[in-house]
């Protein structure tokens, strides 16, 4: 692996941020559409709208919620990758020690 370190693979902060952001935005879109068309998940939309300003079970509100969902997911994913990379550097367990006999 080209991005490996002595403690194993590192996570790309941007890639995990975008991945979690897209999944979060997709979830907000699906729940928003369900709430708009079949009135399922309206309680969740109401709860999420207290955090995602402008999110509602309307076409414009759903678009706003999707943007908020992506931003929120991106930040969470980036933080998770950053913390993982920091913790993996400090790991002193046997499985993380570099093997001197190993060739790459």
PDB file of N, CA and C in Angstrom:
ATOM      1  N   UNK A   1       0.832  -1.177   0.000  1.00  0.00           N
ATOM      2  CA  UNK A   1       0.000   0.000   0.000  1.00  0.00           C
ATOM      3  C   UNK A   1       0.874   1.237   0.000  1.00  0.00           C
ATOM      4  N   UNK A   2       0.524   2.224  -0.785  1.00  0.00           N
ATOM      5  CA  UNK A   2       1.361   3.394  -0.855  1.00  0.00           C
ATOM      6  C   UNK A   2       1.132   4.370   0.284  1.00  0.00           C
ATOM      7  N   UNK A   3      -0.023   4.353   0.960  1.00  0.00           N
ATOM      8  CA  UNK A   3      -0.300   5.257   2.065  1.00  0.00           C
ATOM      9  C   UNK A   3      -0.184   4.581   3.416  1.00  0.00           C
ATOM     10  N   UNK A   4       0.553   3.481   3.493  1.00  0.00           N
ATOM     11  CA  UNK A   4       0.641   2.785   4.767  1.00  0.00           C
ATOM     12  C   UNK A   4       1.721   3.409   5.626  1.00  0.00           C
ATOM     13  N   UNK A   5       1.532   3.289   6.933  1.00  0.00           N
ATOM     14  CA  UNK A   5       2.509   3.763   7.897  1.00  0.00           C
ATOM     15  C   UNK A   5       2.894   2.589   8.762  1.00  0.00           C
ATOM     16  N   UNK A   6       3.728   2.833   9.743  1.00  0.00           N
ATOM     17  CA  UNK A   6       4.148   1.729  10.597  1.00  0.00           C
ATOM     18  C   UNK A   6       2.985   1.160  11.403  1.00  0.00           C
ATOM     19  N   UNK A   7       1.931   1.909  11.565  1.00  0.00           N
ATOM     20  CA  UNK A   7       0.785   1.428  12.335  1.00  0.00           C
ATOM     21  C   UNK A   7      -0.364   1.012  11.435  1.00  0.00           C
ATOM     22  N   UNK A   8      -0.101   0.721  10.210  1.00  0.00           N
ATOM     23  CA  UNK A   8      -1.165   0.294   9.307  1.00  0.00           C
ATOM     24  C   UNK A   8      -1.622   1.433   8.416  1.00  0.00           C
ATOM     25  N   UNK A   9      -2.728   1.258   7.770  1.00  0.00           N
ATOM     26  CA  UNK A   9      -3.224   2.246   6.819  1.00  0.00           C
ATOM     27  C   UNK A   9      -3.807   3.450   7.527  1.00  0.00           C
ATOM     28  N   UNK A  10      -3.615   4.596   6.908  1.00  0.00           N
ATOM     29  CA  UNK A  10      -4.218   5.832   7.397  1.00  0.00           C
ATOM     30  C   UNK A  10      -5.465   6.105   6.567  1.00  0.00           C
ATOM     31  N   UNK A  11      -6.383   6.808   7.156  1.00  0.00           N
ATOM     32  CA  UNK A  11      -7.600   7.178   6.448  1.00  0.00           C
ATOM     33  C   UNK A  11      -7.420   8.548   5.803  1.00  0.00           C
ATOM     34  N   UNK A  12      -7.920   8.710   4.609  1.00  0.00           N
ATOM     35  CA  UNK A  12      -7.898  10.008   3.945  1.00  0.00           C
ATOM     36  C   UNK A  12      -9.050  10.835   4.515  1.00  0.00           C
ATOM     37  N   UNK A  13      -8.702  11.953   5.137  1.00  0.00           N
ATOM     38  CA  UNK A  13      -9.697  12.788   5.810  1.00  0.00           C
ATOM     39  C   UNK A  13     -10.752  13.282   4.821  1.00  0.00           C
ATOM     40  N   UNK A  14     -10.319  13.770   3.676  1.00  0.00           N
ATOM     41  CA  UNK A  14     -11.259  14.285   2.674  1.00  0.00           C
ATOM     42  C   UNK A  14     -12.167  13.214   2.093  1.00  0.00           C
ATOM     43  N   UNK A  15     -11.584  12.050   1.805  1.00  0.00           N
ATOM     44  CA  UNK A  15     -12.380  10.974   1.205  1.00  0.00           C
ATOM     45  C   UNK A  15     -13.443  10.461   2.164  1.00  0.00           C
ATOM     46  N   UNK A  16     -13.069  10.275   3.427  1.00  0.00           N
ATOM     47  CA  UNK A  16     -14.076   9.812   4.387  1.00  0.00           C
ATOM     48  C   UNK A  16     -15.118  10.898   4.623  1.00  0.00           C
ATOM     49  N   UNK A  17     -14.686  12.154   4.633  1.00  0.00           N
ATOM     50  CA  UNK A  17     -15.628  13.258   4.787  1.00  0.00           C
ATOM     51  C   UNK A  17     -16.661  13.289   3.674  1.00  0.00           C
ATOM     52  N   UNK A  18     -16.201  13.153   2.435  1.00  0.00           N
ATOM     53  CA  UNK A  18     -17.128  13.159   1.291  1.00  0.00           C
ATOM     54  C   UNK A  18     -18.036  11.929   1.328  1.00  0.00           C
ATOM     55  N   UNK A  19     -17.480  10.778   1.674  1.00  0.00           N
ATOM     56  CA  UNK A  19     -18.283   9.543   1.715  1.00  0.00           C
ATOM     57  C   UNK A  19     -19.398   9.647   2.748  1.00  0.00           C
ATOM     58  N   UNK A  20     -19.067  10.065   3.946  1.00  0.00           N
ATOM     59  CA  UNK A  20     -20.086  10.191   4.997  1.00  0.00           C
ATOM     60  C   UNK A  20     -21.049  11.322   4.652  1.00  0.00           C
ATOM     61  N   UNK A  21     -20.539  12.387   4.053  1.00  0.00           N
ATOM     62  CA  UNK A  21     -21.403  13.498   3.643  1.00  0.00           C
ATOM     63  C   UNK A  21     -22.442  13.086   2.615  1.00  0.00           C
ATOM     64  N   UNK A  22     -22.015  12.316   1.627  1.00  0.00           N
ATOM     65  CA  UNK A  22     -22.949  11.848   0.592  1.00  0.00           C
ATOM     66  C   UNK A  22     -23.997  10.921   1.195  1.00  0.00           C
ATOM     67  N   UNK A  23     -23.569  10.003   2.053  1.00  0.00           N
ATOM     68  CA  UNK A  23     -24.535   9.089   2.676  1.00  0.00           C
ATOM     69  C   UNK A  23     -25.516   9.842   3.578  1.00  0.00           C
ATOM     70  N   UNK A  24     -25.025  10.826   4.310  1.00  0.00           N
ATOM     71  CA  UNK A  24     -25.894  11.622   5.172  1.00  0.00           C
ATOM     72  C   UNK A  24     -26.895  12.427   4.341  1.00  0.00           C
ATOM     73  N   UNK A  25     -26.423  13.039   3.269  1.00  0.00           N
ATOM     74  CA  UNK A  25     -27.312  13.803   2.389  1.00  0.00           C
ATOM     75  C   UNK A  25     -28.362  12.907   1.751  1.00  0.00           C
ATOM     76  N   UNK A  26     -27.957  11.704   1.352  1.00  0.00           N
ATOM     77  CA  UNK A  26     -28.894  10.751   0.767  1.00  0.00           C
ATOM     78  C   UNK A  26     -29.970  10.343   1.771  1.00  0.00           C
ATOM     79  N   UNK A  27     -29.567  10.129   3.009  1.00  0.00           N
ATOM     80  CA  UNK A  27     -30.534   9.768   4.045  1.00  0.00           C
ATOM     81  C   UNK A  27     -31.528  10.907   4.294  1.00  0.00           C
ATOM     82  N   UNK A  28     -31.023  12.135   4.346  1.00  0.00           N
ATOM     83  CA  UNK A  28     -31.896  13.296   4.541  1.00  0.00           C
ATOM     84  C   UNK A  28     -32.857  13.426   3.360  1.00  0.00           C
ATOM     85  N   UNK A  29     -32.372  13.192   2.154  1.00  0.00           N
ATOM     86  CA  UNK A  29     -33.222  13.252   0.965  1.00  0.00           C
ATOM     87  C   UNK A  29     -34.327  12.208   1.008  1.00  0.00           C
ATOM     88  N   UNK A  30     -33.975  10.969   1.323  1.00  0.00           N
ATOM     89  CA  UNK A  30     -34.964   9.886   1.342  1.00  0.00           C
ATOM     90  C   UNK A  30     -36.024  10.129   2.406  1.00  0.00           C
ATOM     91  N   UNK A  31     -35.606  10.503   3.606  1.00  0.00           N
ATOM     92  CA  UNK A  31     -36.584  10.746   4.675  1.00  0.00           C
ATOM     93  C   UNK A  31     -37.435  11.964   4.339  1.00  0.00           C
ATOM     94  N   UNK A  32     -36.822  12.994   3.758  1.00  0.00           N
ATOM     95  CA  UNK A  32     -37.590  14.172   3.361  1.00  0.00           C
ATOM     96  C   UNK A  32     -38.632  13.857   2.302  1.00  0.00           C
ATOM     97  N   UNK A  33     -38.250  13.050   1.316  1.00  0.00           N
ATOM     98  CA  UNK A  33     -39.209  12.655   0.275  1.00  0.00           C
ATOM     99  C   UNK A  33     -40.331  11.788   0.843  1.00  0.00           C
ATOM    100  N   UNK A  34     -39.975  10.869   1.725  1.00  0.00           N
ATOM    101  CA  UNK A  34     -41.014  10.047   2.366  1.00  0.00           C
ATOM    102  C   UNK A  34     -41.980  10.909   3.176  1.00  0.00           C
ATOM    103  N   UNK A  35     -41.446  11.877   3.905  1.00  0.00           N
ATOM    104  CA  UNK A  35     -42.304  12.756   4.696  1.00  0.00           C
ATOM    105  C   UNK A  35     -43.186  13.613   3.797  1.00  0.00           C
ATOM    106  N   UNK A  36     -42.661  14.036   2.672  1.00  0.00           N
ATOM    107  CA  UNK A  36     -43.422  14.888   1.759  1.00  0.00           C
ATOM    108  C   UNK A  36     -44.536  14.120   1.049  1.00  0.00           C
ATOM    109  N   UNK A  37     -44.218  12.923   0.559  1.00  0.00           N
ATOM    110  CA  UNK A  37     -45.183  12.208  -0.274  1.00  0.00           C
ATOM    111  C   UNK A  37     -46.093  11.244   0.486  1.00  0.00           C
ATOM    112  N   UNK A  38     -45.572  10.532   1.464  1.00  0.00           N
ATOM    113  CA  UNK A  38     -46.405   9.534   2.150  1.00  0.00           C
ATOM    114  C   UNK A  38     -46.561   9.810   3.644  1.00  0.00           C
ATOM    115  N   UNK A  39     -46.096  10.990   4.068  1.00  0.00           N
ATOM    116  CA  UNK A  39     -46.234  11.426   5.467  1.00  0.00           C
ATOM    117  C   UNK A  39     -45.611  10.452   6.458  1.00  0.00           C
ATOM    118  N   UNK A  40     -44.540   9.805   6.033  1.00  0.00           N
ATOM    119  CA  UNK A  40     -43.802   8.896   6.904  1.00  0.00           C
ATOM    120  C   UNK A  40     -42.488   9.574   7.281  1.00  0.00           C
ATOM    121  N   UNK A  41     -42.178   9.640   8.547  1.00  0.00           N
ATOM    122  CA  UNK A  41     -40.937  10.251   9.007  1.00  0.00           C
ATOM    123  C   UNK A  41     -41.053  11.733   9.295  1.00  0.00           C
ATOM    124  N   UNK A  42     -42.277  12.222   9.424  1.00  0.00           N
ATOM    125  CA  UNK A  42     -42.458  13.650   9.683  1.00  0.00           C
ATOM    126  C   UNK A  42     -41.892  14.059  11.041  1.00  0.00           C
ATOM    127  N   UNK A  43     -41.957  13.170  12.013  1.00  0.00           N
ATOM    128  CA  UNK A  43     -41.395  13.495  13.338  1.00  0.00           C
ATOM    129  C   UNK A  43     -39.875  13.664  13.236  1.00  0.00           C
ATOM    130  N   UNK A  44     -39.229  12.826  12.414  1.00  0.00           N
ATOM    131  CA  UNK A  44     -37.775  12.951  12.248  1.00  0.00           C
ATOM    132  C   UNK A  44     -37.437  14.255  11.535  1.00  0.00           C
ATOM    133  N   UNK A  45     -38.218  14.621  10.521  1.00  0.00           N
ATOM    134  CA  UNK A  45     -37.973  15.873   9.802  1.00  0.00           C
ATOM    135  C   UNK A  45     -38.141  17.053  10.754  1.00  0.00           C
ATOM    136  N   UNK A  46     -39.143  17.000  11.610  1.00  0.00           N
ATOM    137  CA  UNK A  46     -39.350  18.061  12.588  1.00  0.00           C
ATOM    138  C   UNK A  46     -38.168  18.149  13.550  1.00  0.00           C
ATOM    139  N   UNK A  47     -37.697  17.013  14.015  1.00  0.00           N
ATOM    140  CA  UNK A  47     -36.544  16.991  14.914  1.00  0.00           C
ATOM    141  C   UNK A  47     -35.295  17.507  14.210  1.00  0.00           C
ATOM    142  N   UNK A  48     -35.039  17.036  13.000  1.00  0.00           N
ATOM    143  CA  UNK A  48     -33.849  17.461  12.251  1.00  0.00           C
ATOM    144  C   UNK A  48     -33.919  18.938  11.881  1.00  0.00           C
ATOM    145  N   UNK A  49     -35.113  19.459  11.674  1.00  0.00           N
ATOM    146  CA  UNK A  49     -35.243  20.871  11.303  1.00  0.00           C
ATOM    147  C   UNK A  49     -34.868  21.798  12.456  1.00  0.00           C
ATOM    148  N   UNK A  50     -34.805  21.270  13.666  1.00  0.00           N
ATOM    149  CA  UNK A  50     -34.350  22.096  14.781  1.00  0.00           C
ATOM    150  C   UNK A  50     -32.837  22.295  14.727  1.00  0.00           C
ATOM    151  N   UNK A  51     -32.136  21.461  13.985  1.00  0.00           N
ATOM    152  CA  UNK A  51     -30.688  21.580  13.814  1.00  0.00           C
ATOM    153  C   UNK A  51     -30.364  22.080  12.408  1.00  0.00           C
ATOM    154  N   UNK A  52     -31.022  21.555  11.415  1.00  0.00           N
ATOM    155  CA  UNK A  52     -30.801  21.941  10.016  1.00  0.00           C
ATOM    156  C   UNK A  52     -31.783  23.060   9.674  1.00  0.00           C
ATOM    157  N   UNK A  53     -31.351  24.294   9.784  1.00  0.00           N
ATOM    158  CA  UNK A  53     -32.220  25.454   9.568  1.00  0.00           C
ATOM    159  C   UNK A  53     -32.739  25.454   8.136  1.00  0.00           C
ATOM    160  N   UNK A  54     -34.057  25.514   7.993  1.00  0.00           N
ATOM    161  CA  UNK A  54     -34.691  25.538   6.682  1.00  0.00           C
ATOM    162  C   UNK A  54     -35.164  24.189   6.186  1.00  0.00           C
ATOM    163  N   UNK A  55     -34.776  23.113   6.879  1.00  0.00           N
ATOM    164  CA  UNK A  55     -35.187  21.764   6.463  1.00  0.00           C
ATOM    165  C   UNK A  55     -36.652  21.555   6.794  1.00  0.00           C
ATOM    166  N   UNK A  56     -37.419  21.104   5.813  1.00  0.00           N
ATOM    167  CA  UNK A  56     -38.845  20.837   5.984  1.00  0.00           C
ATOM    168  C   UNK A  56     -39.259  19.817   4.935  1.00  0.00           C
ATOM    169  N   UNK A  57     -40.466  19.307   5.062  1.00  0.00           N
ATOM    170  CA  UNK A  57     -40.972  18.305   4.122  1.00  0.00           C
ATOM    171  C   UNK A  57     -41.586  18.980   2.889  1.00  0.00           C
ATOM    172  N   UNK A  58     -40.858  19.937   2.338  1.00  0.00           N
ATOM    173  CA  UNK A  58     -41.245  20.617   1.098  1.00  0.00           C
ATOM    174  C   UNK A  58     -40.080  20.469   0.113  1.00  0.00           C
ATOM    175  N   UNK A  59     -40.317  20.657  -1.176  1.00  0.00           N
ATOM    176  CA  UNK A  59     -39.203  20.511  -2.129  1.00  0.00           C
ATOM    177  C   UNK A  59     -38.005  21.419  -1.818  1.00  0.00           C
ATOM    178  N   UNK A  60     -38.252  22.687  -1.512  1.00  0.00           N
ATOM    179  CA  UNK A  60     -37.153  23.602  -1.182  1.00  0.00           C
ATOM    180  C   UNK A  60     -36.521  23.212   0.159  1.00  0.00           C
ATOM    181  N   UNK A  61     -37.357  22.857   1.125  1.00  0.00           N
ATOM    182  CA  UNK A  61     -36.849  22.440   2.428  1.00  0.00           C
ATOM    183  C   UNK A  61     -36.003  21.182   2.346  1.00  0.00           C
ATOM    184  N   UNK A  62     -36.391  20.267   1.481  1.00  0.00           N
ATOM    185  CA  UNK A  62     -35.615  19.038   1.300  1.00  0.00           C
ATOM    186  C   UNK A  62     -34.258  19.372   0.690  1.00  0.00           C
ATOM    187  N   UNK A  63     -34.219  20.266  -0.293  1.00  0.00           N
ATOM    188  CA  UNK A  63     -32.942  20.668  -0.908  1.00  0.00           C
ATOM    189  C   UNK A  63     -32.031  21.315   0.128  1.00  0.00           C
ATOM    190  N   UNK A  64     -32.587  22.163   0.973  1.00  0.00           N
ATOM    191  CA  UNK A  64     -31.801  22.793   2.037  1.00  0.00           C
ATOM    192  C   UNK A  64     -31.292  21.730   3.001  1.00  0.00           C
ATOM    193  N   UNK A  65     -32.148  20.783   3.354  1.00  0.00           N
ATOM    194  CA  UNK A  65     -31.751  19.704   4.257  1.00  0.00           C
ATOM    195  C   UNK A  65     -30.648  18.834   3.688  1.00  0.00           C
ATOM    196  N   UNK A  66     -30.691  18.587   2.377  1.00  0.00           N
ATOM    197  CA  UNK A  66     -29.653  17.777   1.736  1.00  0.00           C
ATOM    198  C   UNK A  66     -28.292  18.483   1.842  1.00  0.00           C
ATOM    199  N   UNK A  67     -28.293  19.791   1.635  1.00  0.00           N
ATOM    200  CA  UNK A  67     -27.035  20.548   1.766  1.00  0.00           C
ATOM    201  C   UNK A  67     -26.529  20.475   3.204  1.00  0.00           C
ATOM    202  N   UNK A  68     -27.420  20.715   4.172  1.00  0.00           N
ATOM    203  CA  UNK A  68     -27.041  20.615   5.590  1.00  0.00           C
ATOM    204  C   UNK A  68     -26.547  19.211   5.917  1.00  0.00           C
ATOM    205  N   UNK A  69     -27.233  18.201   5.409  1.00  0.00           N
ATOM    206  CA  UNK A  69     -26.834  16.819   5.673  1.00  0.00           C
ATOM    207  C   UNK A  69     -25.446  16.516   5.144  1.00  0.00           C
ATOM    208  N   UNK A  70     -25.141  17.026   3.936  1.00  0.00           N
ATOM    209  CA  UNK A  70     -23.809  16.802   3.383  1.00  0.00           C
ATOM    210  C   UNK A  70     -22.748  17.497   4.229  1.00  0.00           C
ATOM    211  N   UNK A  71     -22.999  18.752   4.584  1.00  0.00           N
ATOM    212  CA  UNK A  71     -22.022  19.504   5.384  1.00  0.00           C
ATOM    213  C   UNK A  71     -21.801  18.827   6.732  1.00  0.00           C
ATOM    214  N   UNK A  72     -22.879  18.451   7.392  1.00  0.00           N
ATOM    215  CA  UNK A  72     -22.789  17.784   8.686  1.00  0.00           C
ATOM    216  C   UNK A  72     -22.051  16.449   8.561  1.00  0.00           C
ATOM    217  N   UNK A  73     -22.401  15.655   7.572  1.00  0.00           N
ATOM    218  CA  UNK A  73     -21.737  14.374   7.360  1.00  0.00           C
ATOM    219  C   UNK A  73     -20.269  14.529   7.003  1.00  0.00           C
ATOM    220  N   UNK A  74     -19.954  15.545   6.182  1.00  0.00           N
ATOM    221  CA  UNK A  74     -18.556  15.781   5.813  1.00  0.00           C
ATOM    222  C   UNK A  74     -17.725  16.107   7.047  1.00  0.00           C
ATOM    223  N   UNK A  75     -18.234  16.998   7.875  1.00  0.00           N
ATOM    224  CA  UNK A  75     -17.501  17.380   9.090  1.00  0.00           C
ATOM    225  C   UNK A  75     -17.316  16.176  10.007  1.00  0.00           C
ATOM    226  N   UNK A  76     -18.373  15.407  10.212  1.00  0.00           N
ATOM    227  CA  UNK A  76     -18.271  14.221  11.079  1.00  0.00           C
ATOM    228  C   UNK A  76     -17.294  13.193  10.517  1.00  0.00           C
ATOM    229  N   UNK A  77     -17.356  12.925   9.224  1.00  0.00           N
ATOM    230  CA  UNK A  77     -16.449  11.968   8.605  1.00  0.00           C
ATOM    231  C   UNK A  77     -15.004  12.418   8.676  1.00  0.00           C
ATOM    232  N   UNK A  78     -14.771  13.712   8.451  1.00  0.00           N
ATOM    233  CA  UNK A  78     -13.407  14.244   8.524  1.00  0.00           C
ATOM    234  C   UNK A  78     -12.858  14.154   9.942  1.00  0.00           C
ATOM    235  N   UNK A  79     -13.698  14.441  10.927  1.00  0.00           N
ATOM    236  CA  UNK A  79     -13.264  14.343  12.327  1.00  0.00           C
ATOM    237  C   UNK A  79     -12.941  12.897  12.685  1.00  0.00           C
ATOM    238  N   UNK A  80     -13.776  11.969  12.255  1.00  0.00           N
ATOM    239  CA  UNK A  80     -13.528  10.548  12.538  1.00  0.00           C
ATOM    240  C   UNK A  80     -12.193  10.113  11.928  1.00  0.00           C
ATOM    241  N   UNK A  81     -11.927  10.485  10.671  1.00  0.00           N
ATOM    242  CA  UNK A  81     -10.669  10.105  10.020  1.00  0.00           C
ATOM    243  C   UNK A  81      -9.478  10.741  10.719  1.00  0.00           C
ATOM    244  N   UNK A  82      -9.605  12.008  11.098  1.00  0.00           N
ATOM    245  CA  UNK A  82      -8.516  12.708  11.775  1.00  0.00           C
ATOM    246  C   UNK A  82      -8.197  12.057  13.118  1.00  0.00           C
ATOM    247  N   UNK A  83      -9.226  11.779  13.901  1.00  0.00           N
ATOM    248  CA  UNK A  83      -9.016  11.147  15.205  1.00  0.00           C
ATOM    249  C   UNK A  83      -8.433   9.747  15.030  1.00  0.00           C
ATOM    250  N   UNK A  84      -8.930   8.990  14.068  1.00  0.00           N
ATOM    251  CA  UNK A  84      -8.395   7.648  13.814  1.00  0.00           C
ATOM    252  C   UNK A  84      -6.908   7.720  13.475  1.00  0.00           C
ATOM    253  N   UNK A  85      -6.539   8.649  12.605  1.00  0.00           N
ATOM    254  CA  UNK A  85      -5.137   8.784  12.219  1.00  0.00           C
ATOM    255  C   UNK A  85      -4.265   9.176  13.408  1.00  0.00           C
ATOM    256  N   UNK A  86      -4.763  10.058  14.264  1.00  0.00           N
ATOM    257  CA  UNK A  86      -4.000  10.450  15.460  1.00  0.00           C
ATOM    258  C   UNK A  86      -3.837   9.280  16.419  1.00  0.00           C
ATOM    259  N   UNK A  87      -4.897   8.531  16.641  1.00  0.00           N
ATOM    260  CA  UNK A  87      -4.846   7.401  17.565  1.00  0.00           C
ATOM    261  C   UNK A  87      -3.971   6.287  17.002  1.00  0.00           C
ATOM    262  N   UNK A  88      -4.040   6.057  15.712  1.00  0.00           N
ATOM    263  CA  UNK A  88      -3.260   4.960  15.133  1.00  0.00           C
ATOM    264  C   UNK A  88      -1.758   5.241  15.201  1.00  0.00           C
ATOM    265  N   UNK A  89      -1.352   6.511  15.237  1.00  0.00           N
ATOM    266  CA  UNK A  89       0.064   6.846  15.390  1.00  0.00           C
ATOM    267  C   UNK A  89       0.575   6.485  16.782  1.00  0.00           C
ATOM    268  N   UNK A  90      -0.283   6.588  17.771  1.00  0.00           N
ATOM    269  CA  UNK A  90       0.115   6.378  19.165  1.00  0.00           C
ATOM    270  C   UNK A  90      -0.036   4.932  19.617  1.00  0.00           C
ATOM    271  N   UNK A  91      -0.569   4.089  18.774  1.00  0.00           N
ATOM    272  CA  UNK A  91      -0.834   2.706  19.156  1.00  0.00           C
ATOM    273  C   UNK A  91       0.474   1.965  19.416  1.00  0.00           C
ATOM    274  N   UNK A  92       0.558   1.308  20.544  1.00  0.00           N
ATOM    275  CA  UNK A  92       1.773   0.577  20.903  1.00  0.00           C
ATOM    276  C   UNK A  92       1.514  -0.930  20.996  1.00  0.00           C
ATOM    277  N   UNK A  93       0.418  -1.383  20.454  1.00  0.00           N
ATOM    278  CA  UNK A  93       0.111  -2.808  20.546  1.00  0.00           C
ATOM    279  C   UNK A  93       1.006  -3.625  19.610  1.00  0.00           C
ATOM    280  N   UNK A  94       1.086  -4.885  19.878  1.00  0.00           N
ATOM    281  CA  UNK A  94       1.978  -5.792  19.145  1.00  0.00           C
ATOM    282  C   UNK A  94       1.656  -5.833  17.651  1.00  0.00           C
ATOM    283  N   UNK A  95       0.387  -5.781  17.311  1.00  0.00           N
ATOM    284  CA  UNK A  95       0.001  -5.883  15.902  1.00  0.00           C
ATOM    285  C   UNK A  95       0.386  -4.646  15.098  1.00  0.00           C
ATOM    286  N   UNK A  96       0.683  -3.529  15.759  1.00  0.00           N
ATOM    287  CA  UNK A  96       1.008  -2.291  15.053  1.00  0.00           C
ATOM    288  C   UNK A  96       2.509  -2.040  14.929  1.00  0.00           C
ATOM    289  N   UNK A  97       3.320  -2.840  15.602  1.00  0.00           N
ATOM    290  CA  UNK A  97       4.763  -2.631  15.517  1.00  0.00           C
ATOM    291  C   UNK A  97       5.258  -3.084  14.156  1.00  0.00           C
ATOM    292  N   UNK A  98       6.151  -2.303  13.569  1.00  0.00           N
ATOM    293  CA  UNK A  98       6.658  -2.693  12.244  1.00  0.00           C
ATOM    294  C   UNK A  98       7.482  -3.967  12.334  1.00  0.00           C
ATOM    295  N   UNK A  99       7.338  -4.775  11.319  1.00  0.00           N
ATOM    296  CA  UNK A  99       8.065  -6.032  11.248  1.00  0.00           C
ATOM    297  C   UNK A  99       9.336  -5.809  10.427  1.00  0.00           C
ATOM    298  N   UNK A 100      10.502  -5.975  11.046  1.00  0.00           N
ATOM    299  CA  UNK A 100      11.764  -5.725  10.376  1.00  0.00           C
ATOM    300  C   UNK A 100      12.016  -6.713   9.237  1.00  0.00           C
ATOM    301  N   UNK A 101      11.438  -7.897   9.308  1.00  0.00           N
ATOM    302  CA  UNK A 101      11.656  -8.904   8.281  1.00  0.00           C
ATOM    303  C   UNK A 101      10.712  -8.771   7.098  1.00  0.00           C
ATOM    304  N   UNK A 102       9.756  -7.897   7.208  1.00  0.00           N
ATOM    305  CA  UNK A 102       8.731  -7.760   6.183  1.00  0.00           C
ATOM    306  C   UNK A 102       9.255  -6.902   5.029  1.00  0.00           C
ATOM    307  N   UNK A 103       9.070  -7.345   3.820  1.00  0.00           N
ATOM    308  CA  UNK A 103       9.446  -6.564   2.646  1.00  0.00           C
ATOM    309  C   UNK A 103       8.206  -6.108   1.932  1.00  0.00           C
ATOM    310  N   UNK A 104       8.268  -4.899   1.402  1.00  0.00           N
ATOM    311  CA  UNK A 104       7.096  -4.333   0.738  1.00  0.00           C
ATOM    312  C   UNK A 104       7.274  -4.389  -0.746  1.00  0.00           C
TER     313      UNK A 104
END
